[in-house]
PDB file of all heavy atoms in Angstrom:
ATOM      1  N   MET A   1     -14.142 -14.798   9.665  1.00  0.00           N
ATOM      2  CA  MET A   1     -12.866 -14.381  10.239  1.00  0.00           C
ATOM      3  C   MET A   1     -11.798 -14.245   9.161  1.00  0.00           C
ATOM      4  O   MET A   1     -10.980 -13.315   9.194  1.00  0.00           O
ATOM      5  CB  MET A   1     -12.438 -15.370  11.314  1.00  0.00           C
ATOM      6  CG  MET A   1     -13.342 -15.367  12.544  1.00  0.00           C
ATOM      7  SD  MET A   1     -12.955 -16.682  13.724  1.00  0.00           S
ATOM      8  CE  MET A   1     -11.335 -16.151  14.296  1.00  0.00           C
ATOM      9  N   LEU A   2     -11.801 -15.136   8.176  1.00  0.00           N
ATOM     10  CA  LEU A   2     -10.846 -15.009   7.068  1.00  0.00           C
ATOM     11  C   LEU A   2     -11.127 -13.758   6.249  1.00  0.00           C
ATOM     12  O   LEU A   2     -10.214 -13.102   5.743  1.00  0.00           O
ATOM     13  CB  LEU A   2     -10.904 -16.250   6.180  1.00  0.00           C
ATOM     14  CG  LEU A   2      -9.989 -17.411   6.575  1.00  0.00           C
ATOM     15  CD1 LEU A   2     -10.203 -18.584   5.643  1.00  0.00           C
ATOM     16  CD2 LEU A   2      -8.523 -16.984   6.540  1.00  0.00           C
ATOM     17  N   GLY A   3     -12.406 -13.426   6.110  1.00  0.00           N
ATOM     18  CA  GLY A   3     -12.749 -12.185   5.433  1.00  0.00           C
ATOM     19  C   GLY A   3     -12.143 -10.989   6.135  1.00  0.00           C
ATOM     20  O   GLY A   3     -11.589 -10.081   5.501  1.00  0.00           O
ATOM     21  N   LEU A   4     -12.222 -10.966   7.481  1.00  0.00           N
ATOM     22  CA  LEU A   4     -11.628  -9.875   8.242  1.00  0.00           C
ATOM     23  C   LEU A   4     -10.118  -9.799   8.035  1.00  0.00           C
ATOM     24  O   LEU A   4      -9.552  -8.715   7.830  1.00  0.00           O
ATOM     25  CB  LEU A   4     -11.936 -10.064   9.737  1.00  0.00           C
ATOM     26  CG  LEU A   4     -13.335  -9.714  10.223  1.00  0.00           C
ATOM     27  CD1 LEU A   4     -13.475 -10.060  11.700  1.00  0.00           C
ATOM     28  CD2 LEU A   4     -13.631  -8.236   9.998  1.00  0.00           C
ATOM     29  N   LEU A   5      -9.461 -10.951   8.107  1.00  0.00           N
ATOM     30  CA  LEU A   5      -8.011 -10.959   7.940  1.00  0.00           C
ATOM     31  C   LEU A   5      -7.613 -10.416   6.569  1.00  0.00           C
ATOM     32  O   LEU A   5      -6.659  -9.636   6.445  1.00  0.00           O
ATOM     33  CB  LEU A   5      -7.458 -12.374   8.111  1.00  0.00           C
ATOM     34  CG  LEU A   5      -7.604 -13.015   9.501  1.00  0.00           C
ATOM     35  CD1 LEU A   5      -6.959 -14.397   9.515  1.00  0.00           C
ATOM     36  CD2 LEU A   5      -7.001 -12.141  10.576  1.00  0.00           C
ATOM     37  N   ASN A   6      -8.336 -10.812   5.527  1.00  0.00           N
ATOM     38  CA  ASN A   6      -8.006 -10.348   4.173  1.00  0.00           C
ATOM     39  C   ASN A   6      -8.343  -8.876   3.981  1.00  0.00           C
ATOM     40  O   ASN A   6      -7.594  -8.148   3.329  1.00  0.00           O
ATOM     41  CB  ASN A   6      -8.752 -11.194   3.132  1.00  0.00           C
ATOM     42  CG  ASN A   6      -8.059 -12.519   2.847  1.00  0.00           C
ATOM     43  OD1 ASN A   6      -7.124 -12.597   2.076  1.00  0.00           O
ATOM     44  ND2 ASN A   6      -8.538 -13.577   3.510  1.00  0.00           N
ATOM     45  N   GLU A   7      -9.456  -8.445   4.556  1.00  0.00           N
ATOM     46  CA  GLU A   7      -9.856  -7.048   4.353  1.00  0.00           C
ATOM     47  C   GLU A   7      -8.917  -6.088   5.075  1.00  0.00           C
ATOM     48  O   GLU A   7      -8.580  -5.026   4.558  1.00  0.00           O
ATOM     49  CB  GLU A   7     -11.283  -6.835   4.850  1.00  0.00           C
ATOM     50  CG  GLU A   7     -11.780  -5.408   4.613  1.00  0.00           C
ATOM     51  CD  GLU A   7     -13.140  -5.136   5.205  1.00  0.00           C
ATOM     52  OE1 GLU A   7     -13.637  -5.966   5.996  1.00  0.00           O
ATOM     53  OE2 GLU A   7     -13.717  -4.072   4.900  1.00  0.00           O
ATOM     54  N   ARG A   8      -8.471  -6.468   6.265  1.00  0.00           N
ATOM     55  CA  ARG A   8      -7.681  -5.555   7.085  1.00  0.00           C
ATOM     56  C   ARG A   8      -6.189  -5.807   7.007  1.00  0.00           C
ATOM     57  O   ARG A   8      -5.397  -5.091   7.606  1.00  0.00           O
ATOM     58  CB  ARG A   8      -8.159  -5.646   8.533  1.00  0.00           C
ATOM     59  CG  ARG A   8      -9.631  -5.265   8.643  1.00  0.00           C
ATOM     60  CD  ARG A   8     -10.154  -5.323  10.054  1.00  0.00           C
ATOM     61  NE  ARG A   8     -11.584  -5.040  10.084  1.00  0.00           N
ATOM     62  CZ  ARG A   8     -12.316  -5.006  11.191  1.00  0.00           C
ATOM     63  NH1 ARG A   8     -11.750  -5.235  12.364  1.00  0.00           N
ATOM     64  NH2 ARG A   8     -13.611  -4.750  11.133  1.00  0.00           N
ATOM     65  N   GLY A   9      -5.798  -6.836   6.269  1.00  0.00           N
ATOM     66  CA  GLY A   9      -4.381  -7.105   6.106  1.00  0.00           C
ATOM     67  C   GLY A   9      -3.710  -7.583   7.369  1.00  0.00           C
ATOM     68  O   GLY A   9      -2.556  -7.236   7.644  1.00  0.00           O
ATOM     69  N   TRP A  10      -4.410  -8.377   8.148  1.00  0.00           N
ATOM     70  CA  TRP A  10      -3.838  -8.925   9.380  1.00  0.00           C
ATOM     71  C   TRP A  10      -3.081 -10.216   9.051  1.00  0.00           C
ATOM     72  O   TRP A  10      -3.670 -11.236   8.741  1.00  0.00           O
ATOM     73  CB  TRP A  10      -4.930  -9.224  10.395  1.00  0.00           C
ATOM     74  CG  TRP A  10      -5.524  -7.989  11.018  1.00  0.00           C
ATOM     75  CD1 TRP A  10      -4.974  -6.753  11.066  1.00  0.00           C
ATOM     76  CD2 TRP A  10      -6.793  -7.896  11.672  1.00  0.00           C
ATOM     77  NE1 TRP A  10      -5.819  -5.882  11.717  1.00  0.00           N
ATOM     78  CE2 TRP A  10      -6.938  -6.557  12.105  1.00  0.00           C
ATOM     79  CE3 TRP A  10      -7.813  -8.805  11.942  1.00  0.00           C
ATOM     80  CZ2 TRP A  10      -8.068  -6.110  12.785  1.00  0.00           C
ATOM     81  CZ3 TRP A  10      -8.931  -8.365  12.617  1.00  0.00           C
ATOM     82  CH2 TRP A  10      -9.047  -7.035  13.035  1.00  0.00           C
ATOM     83  N   GLY A  11      -1.758 -10.149   9.094  1.00  0.00           N
ATOM     84  CA  GLY A  11      -0.941 -11.326   8.827  1.00  0.00           C
ATOM     85  C   GLY A  11      -0.840 -11.680   7.366  1.00  0.00           C
ATOM     86  O   GLY A  11      -0.285 -12.734   7.027  1.00  0.00           O
ATOM     87  N   MET A  12      -1.351 -10.843   6.488  1.00  0.00           N
ATOM     88  CA  MET A  12      -1.336 -11.111   5.044  1.00  0.00           C
ATOM     89  C   MET A  12      -1.572  -9.795   4.326  1.00  0.00           C
ATOM     90  O   MET A  12      -2.056  -8.825   4.924  1.00  0.00           O
ATOM     91  CB  MET A  12      -2.425 -12.130   4.671  1.00  0.00           C
ATOM     92  CG  MET A  12      -3.826 -11.685   5.045  1.00  0.00           C
ATOM     93  SD  MET A  12      -5.068 -12.976   4.742  1.00  0.00           S
ATOM     94  CE  MET A  12      -4.573 -14.214   5.949  1.00  0.00           C
ATOM     95  N   PRO A  13      -1.239  -9.718   3.031  1.00  0.00           N
ATOM     96  CA  PRO A  13      -1.520  -8.487   2.284  1.00  0.00           C
ATOM     97  C   PRO A  13      -3.027  -8.237   2.203  1.00  0.00           C
ATOM     98  O   PRO A  13      -3.830  -9.172   2.181  1.00  0.00           O
ATOM     99  CB  PRO A  13      -0.930  -8.771   0.891  1.00  0.00           C
ATOM    100  CG  PRO A  13       0.023  -9.901   1.100  1.00  0.00           C
ATOM    101  CD  PRO A  13      -0.527 -10.717   2.211  1.00  0.00           C
ATOM    102  N   VAL A  14      -3.418  -6.976   2.183  1.00  0.00           N
ATOM    103  CA  VAL A  14      -4.831  -6.624   2.007  1.00  0.00           C
ATOM    104  C   VAL A  14      -5.313  -7.161   0.664  1.00  0.00           C
ATOM    105  O   VAL A  14      -4.668  -6.962  -0.372  1.00  0.00           O
ATOM    106  CB  VAL A  14      -5.029  -5.097   2.068  1.00  0.00           C
ATOM    107  CG1 VAL A  14      -6.465  -4.729   1.706  1.00  0.00           C
ATOM    108  CG2 VAL A  14      -4.671  -4.573   3.452  1.00  0.00           C
ATOM    109  N   ASP A  15      -6.437  -7.863   0.690  1.00  0.00           N
ATOM    110  CA  ASP A  15      -6.990  -8.453  -0.530  1.00  0.00           C
ATOM    111  C   ASP A  15      -8.510  -8.339  -0.450  1.00  0.00           C
ATOM    112  O   ASP A  15      -9.199  -9.215   0.068  1.00  0.00           O
ATOM    113  CB  ASP A  15      -6.563  -9.917  -0.655  1.00  0.00           C
ATOM    114  CG  ASP A  15      -6.931 -10.521  -2.014  1.00  0.00           C
ATOM    115  OD1 ASP A  15      -7.858  -9.988  -2.670  1.00  0.00           O
ATOM    116  OD2 ASP A  15      -6.319 -11.527  -2.400  1.00  0.00           O
ATOM    117  N   SER A  16      -9.042  -7.227  -0.963  1.00  0.00           N
ATOM    118  CA  SER A  16     -10.473  -6.969  -0.869  1.00  0.00           C
ATOM    119  C   SER A  16     -11.300  -7.993  -1.638  1.00  0.00           C
ATOM    120  O   SER A  16     -12.391  -8.377  -1.205  1.00  0.00           O
ATOM    121  CB  SER A  16     -10.789  -5.554  -1.379  1.00  0.00           C
ATOM    122  OG  SER A  16     -10.170  -4.577  -0.578  1.00  0.00           O
ATOM    123  N   ALA A  17     -10.770  -8.421  -2.773  1.00  0.00           N
ATOM    124  CA  ALA A  17     -11.519  -9.399  -3.569  1.00  0.00           C
ATOM    125  C   ALA A  17     -11.662 -10.713  -2.807  1.00  0.00           C
ATOM    126  O   ALA A  17     -12.736 -11.327  -2.777  1.00  0.00           O
ATOM    127  CB  ALA A  17     -10.822  -9.623  -4.907  1.00  0.00           C
ATOM    128  N   GLN A  18     -10.569 -11.168  -2.182  1.00  0.00           N
ATOM    129  CA  GLN A  18     -10.633 -12.404  -1.411  1.00  0.00           C
ATOM    130  C   GLN A  18     -11.525 -12.229  -0.188  1.00  0.00           C
ATOM    131  O   GLN A  18     -12.290 -13.129   0.188  1.00  0.00           O
ATOM    132  CB  GLN A  18      -9.228 -12.818  -0.965  1.00  0.00           C
ATOM    133  CG  GLN A  18      -9.148 -14.218  -0.356  1.00  0.00           C
ATOM    134  CD  GLN A  18      -9.488 -15.308  -1.357  1.00  0.00           C
ATOM    135  OE1 GLN A  18      -8.997 -15.302  -2.477  1.00  0.00           O
ATOM    136  NE2 GLN A  18     -10.353 -16.229  -0.963  1.00  0.00           N
ATOM    137  N   ALA A  19     -11.442 -11.054   0.425  1.00  0.00           N
ATOM    138  CA  ALA A  19     -12.299 -10.773   1.583  1.00  0.00           C
ATOM    139  C   ALA A  19     -13.770 -10.846   1.188  1.00  0.00           C
ATOM    140  O   ALA A  19     -14.597 -11.415   1.908  1.00  0.00           O
ATOM    141  CB  ALA A  19     -11.974  -9.393   2.149  1.00  0.00           C
ATOM    142  N   GLU A  20     -14.083 -10.282   0.023  1.00  0.00           N
ATOM    143  CA  GLU A  20     -15.477 -10.307  -0.418  1.00  0.00           C
ATOM    144  C   GLU A  20     -15.968 -11.743  -0.614  1.00  0.00           C
ATOM    145  O   GLU A  20     -17.094 -12.076  -0.249  1.00  0.00           O
ATOM    146  CB  GLU A  20     -15.636  -9.533  -1.723  1.00  0.00           C
ATOM    147  CG  GLU A  20     -17.086  -9.429  -2.156  1.00  0.00           C
ATOM    148  CD  GLU A  20     -17.264  -9.459  -3.658  1.00  0.00           C
ATOM    149  OE1 GLU A  20     -16.297  -9.811  -4.369  1.00  0.00           O
ATOM    150  OE2 GLU A  20     -18.353  -9.164  -4.119  1.00  0.00           O
ATOM    151  N   GLN A  21     -15.108 -12.598  -1.156  1.00  0.00           N
ATOM    152  CA  GLN A  21     -15.512 -13.993  -1.374  1.00  0.00           C
ATOM    153  C   GLN A  21     -15.810 -14.692  -0.054  1.00  0.00           C
ATOM    154  O   GLN A  21     -16.811 -15.394   0.077  1.00  0.00           O
ATOM    155  CB  GLN A  21     -14.402 -14.734  -2.116  1.00  0.00           C
ATOM    156  CG  GLN A  21     -14.207 -14.275  -3.559  1.00  0.00           C
ATOM    157  CD  GLN A  21     -13.129 -15.083  -4.265  1.00  0.00           C
ATOM    158  OE1 GLN A  21     -12.955 -16.274  -4.021  1.00  0.00           O
ATOM    159  NE2 GLN A  21     -12.389 -14.437  -5.159  1.00  0.00           N
ATOM    160  N   TRP A  22     -14.940 -14.465   0.957  1.00  0.00           N
ATOM    161  CA  TRP A  22     -15.184 -15.115   2.245  1.00  0.00           C
ATOM    162  C   TRP A  22     -16.417 -14.540   2.932  1.00  0.00           C
ATOM    163  O   TRP A  22     -17.210 -15.261   3.524  1.00  0.00           O
ATOM    164  CB  TRP A  22     -13.950 -14.984   3.143  1.00  0.00           C
ATOM    165  CG  TRP A  22     -12.818 -15.878   2.740  1.00  0.00           C
ATOM    166  CD1 TRP A  22     -11.571 -15.494   2.348  1.00  0.00           C
ATOM    167  CD2 TRP A  22     -12.829 -17.309   2.686  1.00  0.00           C
ATOM    168  NE1 TRP A  22     -10.795 -16.587   2.048  1.00  0.00           N
ATOM    169  CE2 TRP A  22     -11.543 -17.726   2.261  1.00  0.00           C
ATOM    170  CE3 TRP A  22     -13.790 -18.284   2.960  1.00  0.00           C
ATOM    171  CZ2 TRP A  22     -11.202 -19.057   2.098  1.00  0.00           C
ATOM    172  CZ3 TRP A  22     -13.449 -19.619   2.800  1.00  0.00           C
ATOM    173  CH2 TRP A  22     -12.181 -20.005   2.380  1.00  0.00           C
ATOM    174  N   TYR A  23     -16.577 -13.214   2.850  1.00  0.00           N
ATOM    175  CA  TYR A  23     -17.775 -12.596   3.443  1.00  0.00           C
ATOM    176  C   TYR A  23     -19.044 -13.129   2.785  1.00  0.00           C
ATOM    177  O   TYR A  23     -20.058 -13.370   3.451  1.00  0.00           O
ATOM    178  CB  TYR A  23     -17.727 -11.075   3.288  1.00  0.00           C
ATOM    179  CG  TYR A  23     -16.810 -10.362   4.246  1.00  0.00           C
ATOM    180  CD1 TYR A  23     -16.095  -9.232   3.857  1.00  0.00           C
ATOM    181  CD2 TYR A  23     -16.670 -10.789   5.563  1.00  0.00           C
ATOM    182  CE1 TYR A  23     -15.263  -8.554   4.720  1.00  0.00           C
ATOM    183  CE2 TYR A  23     -15.827 -10.122   6.445  1.00  0.00           C
ATOM    184  CZ  TYR A  23     -15.126  -9.002   6.019  1.00  0.00           C
ATOM    185  OH  TYR A  23     -14.307  -8.333   6.889  1.00  0.00           O
ATOM    186  N   ALA A  24     -18.987 -13.295   1.473  1.00  0.00           N
ATOM    187  CA  ALA A  24     -20.164 -13.784   0.750  1.00  0.00           C
ATOM    188  C   ALA A  24     -20.558 -15.177   1.234  1.00  0.00           C
ATOM    189  O   ALA A  24     -21.734 -15.466   1.454  1.00  0.00           O
ATOM    190  CB  ALA A  24     -19.894 -13.793  -0.754  1.00  0.00           C
ATOM    191  N   ARG A  25     -19.564 -16.048   1.422  1.00  0.00           N
ATOM    192  CA  ARG A  25     -19.862 -17.402   1.877  1.00  0.00           C
ATOM    193  C   ARG A  25     -20.382 -17.391   3.316  1.00  0.00           C
ATOM    194  O   ARG A  25     -21.338 -18.107   3.647  1.00  0.00           O
ATOM    195  CB  ARG A  25     -18.610 -18.272   1.766  1.00  0.00           C
ATOM    196  CG  ARG A  25     -18.188 -18.527   0.311  1.00  0.00           C
ATOM    197  CD  ARG A  25     -16.878 -19.300   0.208  1.00  0.00           C
ATOM    198  NE  ARG A  25     -16.989 -20.656   0.759  1.00  0.00           N
ATOM    199  CZ  ARG A  25     -15.989 -21.544   0.736  1.00  0.00           C
ATOM    200  NH1 ARG A  25     -14.827 -21.203   0.185  1.00  0.00           N
ATOM    201  NH2 ARG A  25     -16.155 -22.755   1.240  1.00  0.00           N
ATOM    202  N   ALA A  26     -19.768 -16.576   4.156  1.00  0.00           N
ATOM    203  CA  ALA A  26     -20.208 -16.506   5.547  1.00  0.00           C
ATOM    204  C   ALA A  26     -21.592 -15.877   5.647  1.00  0.00           C
ATOM    205  O   ALA A  26     -22.423 -16.294   6.465  1.00  0.00           O
ATOM    206  CB  ALA A  26     -19.208 -15.705   6.372  1.00  0.00           C
ATOM    207  N   ALA A  27     -21.855 -14.874   4.814  1.00  0.00           N
ATOM    208  CA  ALA A  27     -23.169 -14.230   4.824  1.00  0.00           C
ATOM    209  C   ALA A  27     -24.251 -15.223   4.428  1.00  0.00           C
ATOM    210  O   ALA A  27     -25.323 -15.283   5.046  1.00  0.00           O
ATOM    211  CB  ALA A  27     -23.172 -13.028   3.874  1.00  0.00           C
ATOM    212  N   ALA A  28     -23.974 -16.029   3.401  1.00  0.00           N
ATOM    213  CA  ALA A  28     -24.940 -17.048   2.986  1.00  0.00           C
ATOM    214  C   ALA A  28     -25.150 -18.081   4.080  1.00  0.00           C
ATOM    215  O   ALA A  28     -26.223 -18.695   4.172  1.00  0.00           O
ATOM    216  CB  ALA A  28     -24.451 -17.728   1.706  1.00  0.00           C
ATOM    217  N   GLY A  29     -24.139 -18.239   4.950  1.00  0.00           N
ATOM    218  CA  GLY A  29     -24.255 -19.175   6.060  1.00  0.00           C
ATOM    219  C   GLY A  29     -24.951 -18.583   7.268  1.00  0.00           C
ATOM    220  O   GLY A  29     -25.056 -19.259   8.296  1.00  0.00           O
ATOM    221  N   GLY A  30     -25.393 -17.324   7.161  1.00  0.00           N
ATOM    222  CA  GLY A  30     -26.187 -16.725   8.230  1.00  0.00           C
ATOM    223  C   GLY A  30     -25.404 -15.975   9.279  1.00  0.00           C
ATOM    224  O   GLY A  30     -25.962 -15.617  10.317  1.00  0.00           O
ATOM    225  N   VAL A  31     -24.117 -15.691   9.056  1.00  0.00           N
ATOM    226  CA  VAL A  31     -23.334 -14.934  10.038  1.00  0.00           C
ATOM    227  C   VAL A  31     -23.677 -13.457   9.897  1.00  0.00           C
ATOM    228  O   VAL A  31     -23.375 -12.832   8.880  1.00  0.00           O
ATOM    229  CB  VAL A  31     -21.822 -15.167   9.831  1.00  0.00           C
ATOM    230  CG1 VAL A  31     -21.014 -14.322  10.808  1.00  0.00           C
ATOM    231  CG2 VAL A  31     -21.494 -16.640  10.010  1.00  0.00           C
ATOM    232  N   ARG A  32     -24.290 -12.904  10.933  1.00  0.00           N
ATOM    233  CA  ARG A  32     -24.796 -11.531  10.855  1.00  0.00           C
ATOM    234  C   ARG A  32     -23.718 -10.497  10.548  1.00  0.00           C
ATOM    235  O   ARG A  32     -23.897  -9.665   9.646  1.00  0.00           O
ATOM    236  CB  ARG A  32     -25.508 -11.178  12.160  1.00  0.00           C
ATOM    237  CG  ARG A  32     -26.197  -9.834  12.141  1.00  0.00           C
ATOM    238  CD  ARG A  32     -26.768  -9.524  13.511  1.00  0.00           C
ATOM    239  NE  ARG A  32     -25.699  -9.168  14.438  1.00  0.00           N
ATOM    240  CZ  ARG A  32     -25.877  -8.993  15.747  1.00  0.00           C
ATOM    241  NH1 ARG A  32     -27.062  -9.202  16.277  1.00  0.00           N
ATOM    242  NH2 ARG A  32     -24.869  -8.650  16.528  1.00  0.00           N
ATOM    243  N   PRO A  33     -22.572 -10.488  11.259  1.00  0.00           N
ATOM    244  CA  PRO A  33     -21.549  -9.487  10.923  1.00  0.00           C
ATOM    245  C   PRO A  33     -21.035  -9.633   9.496  1.00  0.00           C
ATOM    246  O   PRO A  33     -20.682  -8.634   8.865  1.00  0.00           O
ATOM    247  CB  PRO A  33     -20.435  -9.762  11.946  1.00  0.00           C
ATOM    248  CG  PRO A  33     -21.073 -10.545  13.038  1.00  0.00           C
ATOM    249  CD  PRO A  33     -22.179 -11.313  12.406  1.00  0.00           C
ATOM    250  N   ALA A  34     -20.997 -10.868   8.996  1.00  0.00           N
ATOM    251  CA  ALA A  34     -20.543 -11.074   7.616  1.00  0.00           C
ATOM    252  C   ALA A  34     -21.552 -10.470   6.639  1.00  0.00           C
ATOM    253  O   ALA A  34     -21.165  -9.894   5.616  1.00  0.00           O
ATOM    254  CB  ALA A  34     -20.359 -12.561   7.343  1.00  0.00           C
TER     255      ALA A  34
END
């Protein structure tokens, strides 16, 4: 969810690098959409 917020700029500036870091952690945790 934090990856989504960072990627789409919801409530914060768009930050693709930060989004990638959160997606990477969530993906390793088995979250399919991540």
